[in-house]
């Protein structure tokens, strides 16, 4: 009877031992991707032009904000 580990068992043990490290790498990549998306979203929000001010005198634009 051969009690040594088979190649399949060795591969499973190797994959299990790399699990936490692999998870840490995956989380690091996910965090970097989320940071990149956050930076892109912030750039888009900052690119929105400011809302024009309402007219303060005259017959047009002093009662209703038609921009919104």
N, C-alpha and C. Protein backbone atom coordinates (compact mmCIF):
# COMPACT_ATOMS: atom_id res chain seq x y z
N UNK A 1 0.85 -1.18 0.00
CA UNK A 1 0.00 0.00 0.00
C UNK A 1 0.89 1.23 0.00
N UNK A 2 0.60 2.14 -0.91
CA UNK A 2 1.37 3.37 -1.06
C UNK A 2 0.64 4.49 -0.31
N UNK A 3 1.29 5.08 0.70
CA UNK A 3 0.63 6.11 1.50
C UNK A 3 1.15 7.51 1.17
N UNK A 4 1.95 7.64 0.13
CA UNK A 4 2.45 8.97 -0.24
C UNK A 4 1.33 9.77 -0.90
N UNK A 5 1.46 11.06 -0.88
CA UNK A 5 0.45 11.94 -1.47
C UNK A 5 0.46 11.82 -2.98
N UNK A 6 -0.70 11.79 -3.55
CA UNK A 6 -0.82 11.74 -5.00
C UNK A 6 -0.63 13.15 -5.55
N UNK A 7 -0.36 13.30 -6.85
CA UNK A 7 -0.21 14.64 -7.43
C UNK A 7 -1.46 15.50 -7.24
N UNK A 8 -2.63 14.88 -7.27
CA UNK A 8 -3.87 15.66 -7.07
C UNK A 8 -3.95 16.22 -5.66
N UNK A 9 -3.54 15.43 -4.68
CA UNK A 9 -3.55 15.90 -3.30
C UNK A 9 -2.53 17.02 -3.13
N UNK A 10 -1.35 16.84 -3.72
CA UNK A 10 -0.32 17.88 -3.64
C UNK A 10 -0.81 19.18 -4.27
N UNK A 11 -1.50 19.09 -5.40
CA UNK A 11 -2.02 20.28 -6.06
C UNK A 11 -3.08 20.96 -5.19
N UNK A 12 -3.94 20.17 -4.56
CA UNK A 12 -4.98 20.74 -3.70
C UNK A 12 -4.38 21.40 -2.48
N UNK A 13 -3.37 20.78 -1.90
CA UNK A 13 -2.72 21.36 -0.73
C UNK A 13 -1.99 22.64 -1.13
N UNK A 14 -1.34 22.63 -2.28
CA UNK A 14 -0.65 23.82 -2.76
C UNK A 14 -1.61 24.96 -3.02
N UNK A 15 -2.76 24.66 -3.61
CA UNK A 15 -3.76 25.69 -3.89
C UNK A 15 -4.35 26.22 -2.59
N UNK A 16 -4.55 25.34 -1.63
CA UNK A 16 -5.11 25.79 -0.35
C UNK A 16 -4.12 26.67 0.39
N UNK A 17 -2.84 26.36 0.26
CA UNK A 17 -1.85 27.19 0.95
C UNK A 17 -1.68 28.54 0.28
N UNK A 18 -2.00 28.63 -1.01
CA UNK A 18 -1.92 29.91 -1.71
C UNK A 18 -3.22 30.69 -1.61
N UNK A 19 -4.24 30.10 -1.02
CA UNK A 19 -5.54 30.74 -0.93
C UNK A 19 -5.52 32.10 -0.26
N UNK A 20 -5.02 32.20 0.97
CA UNK A 20 -5.01 33.51 1.62
C UNK A 20 -4.17 34.54 0.86
N UNK A 21 -3.05 34.10 0.30
CA UNK A 21 -2.22 35.03 -0.46
C UNK A 21 -2.95 35.45 -1.72
N UNK A 22 -3.56 34.49 -2.39
CA UNK A 22 -4.33 34.81 -3.59
C UNK A 22 -5.49 35.73 -3.28
N UNK A 23 -6.15 35.50 -2.15
CA UNK A 23 -7.25 36.37 -1.75
C UNK A 23 -6.74 37.78 -1.48
N UNK A 24 -5.60 37.90 -0.86
CA UNK A 24 -5.04 39.22 -0.57
C UNK A 24 -4.71 39.95 -1.86
N UNK A 25 -4.17 39.23 -2.83
CA UNK A 25 -3.85 39.85 -4.12
C UNK A 25 -5.12 40.27 -4.83
N UNK A 26 -6.13 39.41 -4.80
CA UNK A 26 -7.41 39.76 -5.44
C UNK A 26 -8.04 40.98 -4.79
N UNK A 27 -7.97 41.06 -3.47
CA UNK A 27 -8.53 42.24 -2.78
C UNK A 27 -7.74 43.50 -3.12
N UNK A 28 -6.44 43.37 -3.24
CA UNK A 28 -5.62 44.53 -3.62
C UNK A 28 -5.98 45.03 -5.01
N UNK A 29 -6.17 44.11 -5.94
CA UNK A 29 -6.56 44.50 -7.30
C UNK A 29 -7.95 45.12 -7.28
N UNK A 30 -8.86 44.56 -6.50
CA UNK A 30 -10.21 45.12 -6.40
C UNK A 30 -10.17 46.53 -5.82
N UNK A 31 -9.39 46.73 -4.78
CA UNK A 31 -9.28 48.07 -4.18
C UNK A 31 -8.72 49.08 -5.17
N UNK A 32 -7.71 48.67 -5.93
CA UNK A 32 -7.14 49.59 -6.93
C UNK A 32 -8.16 49.91 -8.00
N UNK A 33 -8.94 48.92 -8.42
CA UNK A 33 -9.96 49.16 -9.43
C UNK A 33 -11.04 50.11 -8.90
N UNK A 34 -11.44 49.91 -7.65
CA UNK A 34 -12.44 50.80 -7.05
C UNK A 34 -11.90 52.22 -6.88
N UNK A 35 -10.62 52.35 -6.51
CA UNK A 35 -10.01 53.67 -6.40
C UNK A 35 -9.97 54.37 -7.75
N UNK A 36 -9.67 53.61 -8.81
CA UNK A 36 -9.63 54.18 -10.15
C UNK A 36 -11.02 54.63 -10.58
N UNK A 37 -12.04 53.82 -10.29
CA UNK A 37 -13.41 54.20 -10.63
C UNK A 37 -13.86 55.41 -9.83
N UNK A 38 -13.47 55.48 -8.57
CA UNK A 38 -13.83 56.63 -7.74
C UNK A 38 -13.19 57.91 -8.28
N UNK A 39 -11.94 57.80 -8.70
CA UNK A 39 -11.25 58.98 -9.25
C UNK A 39 -11.93 59.42 -10.55
N UNK A 40 -12.33 58.46 -11.38
CA UNK A 40 -13.02 58.80 -12.62
C UNK A 40 -14.37 59.44 -12.36
N UNK A 41 -15.11 58.91 -11.40
CA UNK A 41 -16.41 59.49 -11.06
C UNK A 41 -16.26 60.90 -10.50
N UNK A 42 -15.23 61.10 -9.67
CA UNK A 42 -15.00 62.43 -9.11
C UNK A 42 -14.64 63.42 -10.22
N UNK A 43 -13.85 62.98 -11.19
CA UNK A 43 -13.50 63.86 -12.31
C UNK A 43 -14.74 64.23 -13.12
N UNK A 44 -15.65 63.27 -13.31
CA UNK A 44 -16.89 63.58 -14.04
C UNK A 44 -17.77 64.55 -13.26
N UNK A 45 -17.86 64.36 -11.96
CA UNK A 45 -18.67 65.26 -11.14
C UNK A 45 -18.08 66.66 -11.15
N UNK A 46 -16.75 66.76 -11.09
CA UNK A 46 -16.11 68.08 -11.11
C UNK A 46 -16.20 68.74 -12.47
N UNK A 47 -16.45 67.97 -13.53
CA UNK A 47 -16.56 68.52 -14.87
C UNK A 47 -17.93 69.14 -15.14
N UNK A 48 -18.90 68.91 -14.27
CA UNK A 48 -20.23 69.48 -14.46
C UNK A 48 -20.13 70.99 -14.27
N UNK A 49 -20.62 71.76 -15.26
CA UNK A 49 -20.54 73.22 -15.11
C UNK A 49 -21.48 73.69 -14.00
N UNK A 50 -21.14 74.81 -13.37
CA UNK A 50 -22.01 75.33 -12.30
C UNK A 50 -23.34 75.81 -12.89
N UNK A 51 -24.37 75.74 -12.08
CA UNK A 51 -25.69 76.17 -12.51
C UNK A 51 -25.68 77.69 -12.67
N UNK A 52 -26.23 78.19 -13.78
CA UNK A 52 -26.26 79.64 -13.96
C UNK A 52 -27.15 80.30 -12.91
N UNK A 53 -26.80 81.51 -12.56
CA UNK A 53 -27.59 82.24 -11.56
C UNK A 53 -28.86 82.80 -12.19
N UNK A 54 -29.86 82.96 -11.35
CA UNK A 54 -31.12 83.53 -11.82
C UNK A 54 -30.96 85.03 -12.03
N UNK A 55 -31.79 85.53 -12.92
CA UNK A 55 -31.80 86.97 -13.15
C UNK A 55 -32.32 87.67 -11.90
N UNK A 56 -31.71 88.80 -11.58
CA UNK A 56 -32.14 89.51 -10.38
C UNK A 56 -32.97 90.74 -10.70
N UNK A 57 -33.07 91.09 -11.97
CA UNK A 57 -33.90 92.25 -12.35
C UNK A 57 -34.46 92.01 -13.75
N UNK A 58 -35.49 92.72 -14.08
CA UNK A 58 -36.10 92.60 -15.40
C UNK A 58 -37.32 91.68 -15.36
N UNK A 59 -38.07 91.69 -16.48
CA UNK A 59 -39.32 90.92 -16.49
C UNK A 59 -39.11 89.42 -16.71
N UNK A 60 -37.95 88.96 -17.20
CA UNK A 60 -37.75 87.55 -17.50
C UNK A 60 -36.73 86.92 -16.55
N UNK A 61 -37.05 85.75 -16.09
CA UNK A 61 -36.11 84.97 -15.31
C UNK A 61 -36.04 85.31 -13.82
N UNK A 62 -36.94 86.10 -13.33
CA UNK A 62 -36.88 86.46 -11.92
C UNK A 62 -37.89 85.68 -11.08
N UNK A 63 -38.84 84.99 -11.70
CA UNK A 63 -39.88 84.30 -10.95
C UNK A 63 -39.73 82.78 -10.98
N UNK A 64 -39.32 82.24 -12.13
CA UNK A 64 -39.27 80.78 -12.29
C UNK A 64 -37.87 80.38 -12.76
N UNK A 65 -37.33 79.36 -12.12
CA UNK A 65 -36.03 78.82 -12.53
C UNK A 65 -36.30 77.78 -13.61
N UNK A 66 -36.18 78.16 -14.86
CA UNK A 66 -36.48 77.24 -15.95
C UNK A 66 -35.28 76.37 -16.31
N UNK A 67 -34.14 76.60 -15.69
CA UNK A 67 -32.95 75.79 -15.95
C UNK A 67 -33.12 74.41 -15.35
N UNK A 68 -33.68 74.34 -14.17
CA UNK A 68 -33.84 73.07 -13.48
C UNK A 68 -34.86 72.27 -14.19
